[in-house]
PDB file of N, CA and C in Angstrom:
ATOM      1  N   MET A   1       0.851  -1.178   0.000  1.00  0.00           N
ATOM      2  CA  MET A   1       0.000   0.000   0.000  1.00  0.00           C
ATOM      3  C   MET A   1       0.893   1.237   0.000  1.00  0.00           C
ATOM      4  N   LYS A   2       0.511   2.231  -0.754  1.00  0.00           N
ATOM      5  CA  LYS A   2       1.231   3.505  -0.803  1.00  0.00           C
ATOM      6  C   LYS A   2       0.944   4.303   0.466  1.00  0.00           C
ATOM      7  N   ILE A   3       1.910   5.143   0.849  1.00  0.00           N
ATOM      8  CA  ILE A   3       1.789   5.897   2.099  1.00  0.00           C
ATOM      9  C   ILE A   3       0.562   6.808   2.098  1.00  0.00           C
ATOM     10  N   HIS A   4       0.248   7.432   0.975  1.00  0.00           N
ATOM     11  CA  HIS A   4      -0.904   8.341   0.971  1.00  0.00           C
ATOM     12  C   HIS A   4      -2.220   7.590   1.186  1.00  0.00           C
ATOM     13  N   LYS A   5      -2.289   6.353   0.696  1.00  0.00           N
ATOM     14  CA  LYS A   5      -3.490   5.537   0.936  1.00  0.00           C
ATOM     15  C   LYS A   5      -3.580   5.137   2.403  1.00  0.00           C
ATOM     16  N   ALA A   6      -2.445   4.792   3.000  1.00  0.00           N
ATOM     17  CA  ALA A   6      -2.425   4.403   4.414  1.00  0.00           C
ATOM     18  C   ALA A   6      -2.831   5.577   5.302  1.00  0.00           C
ATOM     19  N   VAL A   7      -2.309   6.775   4.993  1.00  0.00           N
ATOM     20  CA  VAL A   7      -2.676   7.964   5.763  1.00  0.00           C
ATOM     21  C   VAL A   7      -4.174   8.236   5.610  1.00  0.00           C
ATOM     22  N   SER A   8      -4.671   8.102   4.398  1.00  0.00           N
ATOM     23  CA  SER A   8      -6.095   8.299   4.144  1.00  0.00           C
ATOM     24  C   SER A   8      -6.946   7.341   4.975  1.00  0.00           C
ATOM     25  N   GLU A   9      -6.580   6.070   4.971  1.00  0.00           N
ATOM     26  CA  GLU A   9      -7.334   5.072   5.749  1.00  0.00           C
ATOM     27  C   GLU A   9      -7.278   5.357   7.242  1.00  0.00           C
ATOM     28  N   LYS A  10      -6.100   5.746   7.738  1.00  0.00           N
ATOM     29  CA  LYS A  10      -5.963   6.029   9.170  1.00  0.00           C
ATOM     30  C   LYS A  10      -6.794   7.248   9.566  1.00  0.00           C
ATOM     31  N   LEU A  11      -6.747   8.300   8.748  1.00  0.00           N
ATOM     32  CA  LEU A  11      -7.541   9.490   9.058  1.00  0.00           C
ATOM     33  C   LEU A  11      -9.031   9.181   9.033  1.00  0.00           C
ATOM     34  N   THR A  12      -9.452   8.417   8.050  1.00  0.00           N
ATOM     35  CA  THR A  12     -10.867   8.041   7.973  1.00  0.00           C
ATOM     36  C   THR A  12     -11.271   7.254   9.215  1.00  0.00           C
ATOM     37  N   LYS A  13     -10.430   6.333   9.626  1.00  0.00           N
ATOM     38  CA  LYS A  13     -10.709   5.535  10.827  1.00  0.00           C
ATOM     39  C   LYS A  13     -10.824   6.430  12.056  1.00  0.00           C
ATOM     40  N   LEU A  14      -9.900   7.364  12.218  1.00  0.00           N
ATOM     41  CA  LEU A  14      -9.939   8.274  13.368  1.00  0.00           C
ATOM     42  C   LEU A  14     -11.178   9.159  13.350  1.00  0.00           C
ATOM     43  N   MET A  15     -11.544   9.628  12.166  1.00  0.00           N
ATOM     44  CA  MET A  15     -12.727  10.479  12.061  1.00  0.00           C
ATOM     45  C   MET A  15     -14.003   9.712  12.401  1.00  0.00           C
ATOM     46  N   VAL A  16     -14.091   8.471  11.964  1.00  0.00           N
ATOM     47  CA  VAL A  16     -15.266   7.652  12.289  1.00  0.00           C
ATOM     48  C   VAL A  16     -15.309   7.378  13.788  1.00  0.00           C
ATOM     49  N   GLU A  17     -14.161   6.994  14.369  1.00  0.00           N
ATOM     50  CA  GLU A  17     -14.103   6.708  15.805  1.00  0.00           C
ATOM     51  C   GLU A  17     -14.537   7.909  16.639  1.00  0.00           C
ATOM     52  N   ARG A  18     -14.153   9.102  16.201  1.00  0.00           N
ATOM     53  CA  ARG A  18     -14.442  10.320  16.965  1.00  0.00           C
ATOM     54  C   ARG A  18     -15.682  11.064  16.476  1.00  0.00           C
ATOM     55  N   ASN A  19     -16.307  10.504  15.438  1.00  0.00           N
ATOM     56  CA  ASN A  19     -17.516  11.089  14.875  1.00  0.00           C
ATOM     57  C   ASN A  19     -17.309  12.560  14.493  1.00  0.00           C
ATOM     58  N   ILE A  20     -16.234  12.820  13.729  1.00  0.00           N
ATOM     59  CA  ILE A  20     -15.961  14.176  13.281  1.00  0.00           C
ATOM     60  C   ILE A  20     -15.869  14.219  11.753  1.00  0.00           C
ATOM     61  N   SER A  21     -16.162  15.370  11.218  1.00  0.00           N
ATOM     62  CA  SER A  21     -16.144  15.584   9.767  1.00  0.00           C
ATOM     63  C   SER A  21     -14.783  16.138   9.331  1.00  0.00           C
ATOM     64  N   VAL A  22     -14.596  16.218   8.036  1.00  0.00           N
ATOM     65  CA  VAL A  22     -13.390  16.841   7.494  1.00  0.00           C
ATOM     66  C   VAL A  22     -13.304  18.287   7.980  1.00  0.00           C
ATOM     67  N   ASN A  23     -14.418  18.979   7.969  1.00  0.00           N
ATOM     68  CA  ASN A  23     -14.450  20.370   8.419  1.00  0.00           C
ATOM     69  C   ASN A  23     -14.035  20.488   9.882  1.00  0.00           C
ATOM     70  N   LYS A  24     -14.540  19.612  10.715  1.00  0.00           N
ATOM     71  CA  LYS A  24     -14.192  19.642  12.140  1.00  0.00           C
ATOM     72  C   LYS A  24     -12.715  19.312  12.339  1.00  0.00           C
ATOM     73  N   LEU A  25     -12.210  18.308  11.608  1.00  0.00           N
ATOM     74  CA  LEU A  25     -10.797  17.944  11.716  1.00  0.00           C
ATOM     75  C   LEU A  25      -9.923  19.122  11.283  1.00  0.00           C
ATOM     76  N   ALA A  26     -10.301  19.793  10.221  1.00  0.00           N
ATOM     77  CA  ALA A  26      -9.552  20.967   9.776  1.00  0.00           C
ATOM     78  C   ALA A  26      -9.548  22.043  10.859  1.00  0.00           C
ATOM     79  N   SER A  27     -10.678  22.245  11.470  1.00  0.00           N
ATOM     80  CA  SER A  27     -10.810  23.271  12.502  1.00  0.00           C
ATOM     81  C   SER A  27      -9.917  22.980  13.711  1.00  0.00           C
ATOM     82  N   ILE A  28      -9.930  21.754  14.199  1.00  0.00           N
ATOM     83  CA  ILE A  28      -9.161  21.434  15.417  1.00  0.00           C
ATOM     84  C   ILE A  28      -7.668  21.276  15.152  1.00  0.00           C
ATOM     85  N   THR A  29      -7.286  21.164  13.877  1.00  0.00           N
ATOM     86  CA  THR A  29      -5.869  20.995  13.550  1.00  0.00           C
ATOM     87  C   THR A  29      -5.249  22.268  12.978  1.00  0.00           C
ATOM     88  N   CYS A  30      -6.071  23.303  12.786  1.00  0.00           N
ATOM     89  CA  CYS A  30      -5.620  24.570  12.187  1.00  0.00           C
ATOM     90  C   CYS A  30      -5.043  24.357  10.793  1.00  0.00           C
ATOM     91  N   LEU A  31      -5.601  23.411  10.062  1.00  0.00           N
ATOM     92  CA  LEU A  31      -5.251  23.172   8.667  1.00  0.00           C
ATOM     93  C   LEU A  31      -6.433  23.606   7.814  1.00  0.00           C
ATOM     94  N   THR A  32      -6.180  23.879   6.547  1.00  0.00           N
ATOM     95  CA  THR A  32      -7.289  24.234   5.680  1.00  0.00           C
ATOM     96  C   THR A  32      -8.137  23.004   5.396  1.00  0.00           C
ATOM     97  N   GLN A  33      -9.394  23.256   5.114  1.00  0.00           N
ATOM     98  CA  GLN A  33     -10.294  22.154   4.804  1.00  0.00           C
ATOM     99  C   GLN A  33      -9.828  21.424   3.544  1.00  0.00           C
ATOM    100  N   SER A  34      -9.279  22.152   2.588  1.00  0.00           N
ATOM    101  CA  SER A  34      -8.818  21.513   1.354  1.00  0.00           C
ATOM    102  C   SER A  34      -7.624  20.600   1.616  1.00  0.00           C
ATOM    103  N   THR A  35      -6.755  20.979   2.543  1.00  0.00           N
ATOM    104  CA  THR A  35      -5.615  20.127   2.899  1.00  0.00           C
ATOM    105  C   THR A  35      -6.099  18.831   3.526  1.00  0.00           C
ATOM    106  N   VAL A  36      -6.988  18.949   4.493  1.00  0.00           N
ATOM    107  CA  VAL A  36      -7.511  17.761   5.168  1.00  0.00           C
ATOM    108  C   VAL A  36      -8.290  16.898   4.180  1.00  0.00           C
ATOM    109  N   ASP A  37      -9.092  17.521   3.342  1.00  0.00           N
ATOM    110  CA  ASP A  37      -9.856  16.785   2.344  1.00  0.00           C
ATOM    111  C   ASP A  37      -8.923  16.016   1.405  1.00  0.00           C
ATOM    112  N   SER A  38      -7.836  16.646   0.986  1.00  0.00           N
ATOM    113  CA  SER A  38      -6.870  15.978   0.105  1.00  0.00           C
ATOM    114  C   SER A  38      -6.224  14.776   0.787  1.00  0.00           C
ATOM    115  N   LEU A  39      -5.943  14.900   2.067  1.00  0.00           N
ATOM    116  CA  LEU A  39      -5.356  13.779   2.810  1.00  0.00           C
ATOM    117  C   LEU A  39      -6.361  12.640   2.978  1.00  0.00           C
ATOM    118  N   VAL A  40      -7.574  12.999   3.366  1.00  0.00           N
ATOM    119  CA  VAL A  40      -8.602  11.988   3.618  1.00  0.00           C
ATOM    120  C   VAL A  40      -8.995  11.256   2.333  1.00  0.00           C
ATOM    121  N   ASN A  41      -9.033  11.978   1.226  1.00  0.00           N
ATOM    122  CA  ASN A  41      -9.435  11.375  -0.048  1.00  0.00           C
ATOM    123  C   ASN A  41      -8.268  10.782  -0.827  1.00  0.00           C
ATOM    124  N   GLY A  42      -7.064  10.828  -0.266  1.00  0.00           N
ATOM    125  CA  GLY A  42      -5.905  10.232  -0.908  1.00  0.00           C
ATOM    126  C   GLY A  42      -5.380  11.009  -2.096  1.00  0.00           C
ATOM    127  N   LYS A  43      -5.808  12.255  -2.244  1.00  0.00           N
ATOM    128  CA  LYS A  43      -5.350  13.085  -3.361  1.00  0.00           C
ATOM    129  C   LYS A  43      -3.950  13.641  -3.113  1.00  0.00           C
ATOM    130  N   SER A  44      -3.606  13.811  -1.849  1.00  0.00           N
ATOM    131  CA  SER A  44      -2.275  14.294  -1.489  1.00  0.00           C
ATOM    132  C   SER A  44      -1.323  13.109  -1.549  1.00  0.00           C
ATOM    133  N   LYS A  45      -0.509  13.056  -2.598  1.00  0.00           N
ATOM    134  CA  LYS A  45       0.344  11.892  -2.846  1.00  0.00           C
ATOM    135  C   LYS A  45       1.582  11.846  -1.970  1.00  0.00           C
ATOM    136  N   ASN A  46       1.929  12.969  -1.353  1.00  0.00           N
ATOM    137  CA  ASN A  46       3.131  13.028  -0.524  1.00  0.00           C
ATOM    138  C   ASN A  46       2.841  13.818   0.753  1.00  0.00           C
ATOM    139  N   PRO A  47       2.078  13.233   1.684  1.00  0.00           N
ATOM    140  CA  PRO A  47       1.723  13.972   2.898  1.00  0.00           C
ATOM    141  C   PRO A  47       2.961  14.306   3.726  1.00  0.00           C
ATOM    142  N   LYS A  48       3.046  15.551   4.163  1.00  0.00           N
ATOM    143  CA  LYS A  48       4.186  15.993   4.954  1.00  0.00           C
ATOM    144  C   LYS A  48       4.040  15.535   6.400  1.00  0.00           C
ATOM    145  N   LEU A  49       5.169  15.206   6.995  1.00  0.00           N
ATOM    146  CA  LEU A  49       5.165  14.767   8.381  1.00  0.00           C
ATOM    147  C   LEU A  49       4.647  15.878   9.292  1.00  0.00           C
ATOM    148  N   LEU A  50       5.002  17.120   9.014  1.00  0.00           N
ATOM    149  CA  LEU A  50       4.526  18.237   9.832  1.00  0.00           C
ATOM    150  C   LEU A  50       3.004  18.323   9.814  1.00  0.00           C
ATOM    151  N   THR A  51       2.407  18.025   8.683  1.00  0.00           N
ATOM    152  CA  THR A  51       0.944  18.032   8.590  1.00  0.00           C
ATOM    153  C   THR A  51       0.355  16.942   9.470  1.00  0.00           C
ATOM    154  N   ILE A  52       0.962  15.771   9.447  1.00  0.00           N
ATOM    155  CA  ILE A  52       0.485  14.669  10.289  1.00  0.00           C
ATOM    156  C   ILE A  52       0.706  14.999  11.762  1.00  0.00           C
ATOM    157  N   VAL A  53       1.801  15.670  12.087  1.00  0.00           N
ATOM    158  CA  VAL A  53       2.048  16.100  13.471  1.00  0.00           C
ATOM    159  C   VAL A  53       0.940  17.062  13.917  1.00  0.00           C
ATOM    160  N   ARG A  54       0.553  17.999  13.052  1.00  0.00           N
ATOM    161  CA  ARG A  54      -0.532  18.927  13.396  1.00  0.00           C
ATOM    162  C   ARG A  54      -1.844  18.184  13.637  1.00  0.00           C
ATOM    163  N   ILE A  55      -2.101  17.186  12.826  1.00  0.00           N
ATOM    164  CA  ILE A  55      -3.316  16.381  13.003  1.00  0.00           C
ATOM    165  C   ILE A  55      -3.266  15.653  14.341  1.00  0.00           C
ATOM    166  N   CYS A  56      -2.123  15.075  14.654  1.00  0.00           N
ATOM    167  CA  CYS A  56      -1.979  14.376  15.939  1.00  0.00           C
ATOM    168  C   CYS A  56      -2.163  15.337  17.109  1.00  0.00           C
ATOM    169  N   ASP A  57      -1.599  16.530  16.996  1.00  0.00           N
ATOM    170  CA  ASP A  57      -1.779  17.530  18.052  1.00  0.00           C
ATOM    171  C   ASP A  57      -3.252  17.884  18.218  1.00  0.00           C
ATOM    172  N   GLY A  58      -3.934  18.095  17.113  1.00  0.00           N
ATOM    173  CA  GLY A  58      -5.356  18.443  17.165  1.00  0.00           C
ATOM    174  C   GLY A  58      -6.215  17.337  17.747  1.00  0.00           C
ATOM    175  N   LEU A  59      -5.842  16.101  17.453  1.00  0.00           N
ATOM    176  CA  LEU A  59      -6.591  14.949  17.967  1.00  0.00           C
ATOM    177  C   LEU A  59      -6.099  14.494  19.339  1.00  0.00           C
ATOM    178  N   GLU A  60      -5.048  15.167  19.814  1.00  0.00           N
ATOM    179  CA  GLU A  60      -4.441  14.851  21.110  1.00  0.00           C
ATOM    180  C   GLU A  60      -3.996  13.399  21.193  1.00  0.00           C
ATOM    181  N   ILE A  61      -3.279  12.979  20.140  1.00  0.00           N
ATOM    182  CA  ILE A  61      -2.664  11.652  20.133  1.00  0.00           C
ATOM    183  C   ILE A  61      -1.182  11.801  19.819  1.00  0.00           C
ATOM    184  N   LYS A  62      -0.405  10.821  20.203  1.00  0.00           N
ATOM    185  CA  LYS A  62       1.016  10.827  19.904  1.00  0.00           C
ATOM    186  C   LYS A  62       1.224  10.431  18.444  1.00  0.00           C
ATOM    187  N   LEU A  63       2.274  10.964  17.863  1.00  0.00           N
ATOM    188  CA  LEU A  63       2.629  10.612  16.494  1.00  0.00           C
ATOM    189  C   LEU A  63       2.857   9.108  16.374  1.00  0.00           C
ATOM    190  N   SER A  64       3.489   8.523  17.376  1.00  0.00           N
ATOM    191  CA  SER A  64       3.737   7.075  17.351  1.00  0.00           C
ATOM    192  C   SER A  64       2.431   6.289  17.355  1.00  0.00           C
ATOM    193  N   ASP A  65       1.414   6.811  18.036  1.00  0.00           N
ATOM    194  CA  ASP A  65       0.110   6.139  18.038  1.00  0.00           C
ATOM    195  C   ASP A  65      -0.574   6.236  16.680  1.00  0.00           C
ATOM    196  N   PHE A  66      -0.345   7.339  15.972  1.00  0.00           N
ATOM    197  CA  PHE A  66      -0.910   7.477  14.634  1.00  0.00           C
ATOM    198  C   PHE A  66      -0.382   6.362  13.733  1.00  0.00           C
ATOM    199  N   PHE A  67       0.922   6.140  13.791  1.00  0.00           N
ATOM    200  CA  PHE A  67       1.539   5.151  12.914  1.00  0.00           C
ATOM    201  C   PHE A  67       1.478   3.724  13.457  1.00  0.00           C
ATOM    202  N   LYS A  68       0.996   3.566  14.687  1.00  0.00           N
ATOM    203  CA  LYS A  68       0.863   2.231  15.280  1.00  0.00           C
ATOM    204  C   LYS A  68      -0.462   1.626  14.821  1.00  0.00           C
ATOM    205  N   ASP A  69      -0.482   1.216  13.570  1.00  0.00           N
ATOM    206  CA  ASP A  69      -1.688   0.690  12.944  1.00  0.00           C
ATOM    207  C   ASP A  69      -1.252  -0.280  11.857  1.00  0.00           C
ATOM    208  N   ASP A  70      -1.958  -1.367  11.711  1.00  0.00           N
ATOM    209  CA  ASP A  70      -1.607  -2.376  10.711  1.00  0.00           C
ATOM    210  C   ASP A  70      -1.551  -1.826   9.296  1.00  0.00           C
ATOM    211  N   VAL A  71      -2.263  -0.745   9.042  1.00  0.00           N
ATOM    212  CA  VAL A  71      -2.301  -0.168   7.708  1.00  0.00           C
ATOM    213  C   VAL A  71      -0.910   0.307   7.263  1.00  0.00           C
ATOM    214  N   PHE A  72      -0.020   0.573   8.215  1.00  0.00           N
ATOM    215  CA  PHE A  72       1.335   1.044   7.897  1.00  0.00           C
ATOM    216  C   PHE A  72       2.374  -0.078   7.861  1.00  0.00           C
ATOM    217  N   ASN A  73       1.944  -1.320   8.014  1.00  0.00           N
ATOM    218  CA  ASN A  73       2.902  -2.424   8.078  1.00  0.00           C
ATOM    219  C   ASN A  73       3.572  -2.753   6.740  1.00  0.00           C
ATOM    220  N   ASP A  74       2.892  -2.599   5.643  1.00  0.00           N
ATOM    221  CA  ASP A  74       3.443  -2.984   4.351  1.00  0.00           C
ATOM    222  C   ASP A  74       3.420  -1.817   3.365  1.00  0.00           C
ATOM    223  N   ILE A  75       4.111  -0.753   3.711  1.00  0.00           N
ATOM    224  CA  ILE A  75       4.148   0.439   2.871  1.00  0.00           C
ATOM    225  C   ILE A  75       5.080   0.221   1.681  1.00  0.00           C
ATOM    226  N   GLU A  76       4.586   0.578   0.510  1.00  0.00           N
ATOM    227  CA  GLU A  76       5.396   0.526  -0.711  1.00  0.00           C
ATOM    228  C   GLU A  76       6.121   1.854  -0.863  1.00  0.00           C
ATOM    229  N   ARG A  77       7.396   1.784  -1.174  1.00  0.00           N
ATOM    230  CA  ARG A  77       8.176   3.005  -1.404  1.00  0.00           C
ATOM    231  C   ARG A  77       7.699   3.691  -2.654  1.00  0.00           C
ATOM    232  N   GLU A  78       7.730   5.011  -2.612  1.00  0.00           N
ATOM    233  CA  GLU A  78       7.246   5.793  -3.746  1.00  0.00           C
ATOM    234  C   GLU A  78       8.351   6.646  -4.363  1.00  0.00           C
ATOM    235  N   ASP A  79       9.587   6.175  -4.293  1.00  0.00           N
ATOM    236  CA  ASP A  79      10.681   6.993  -4.841  1.00  0.00           C
ATOM    237  C   ASP A  79      11.132   6.484  -6.135  1.00  0.00           C
TER     238      ASP A  79
END
């Protein structure tokens, strides 16, 4: 699985668990709605670590907890 797909799946899972929308996630992370939408829909092919850190801060989770998910176990390199 490509990293952008894994990030998309993880964000979708977190949003469902917390019952929040893309708009709400954007609001609590101080990111634009278009940025969050691109991540959630897998349109952002190269998500920046700083963006994921902001999401983790907004969701009050550790970065290590974000990546502690089976979806990240078999990442395909994109270089």
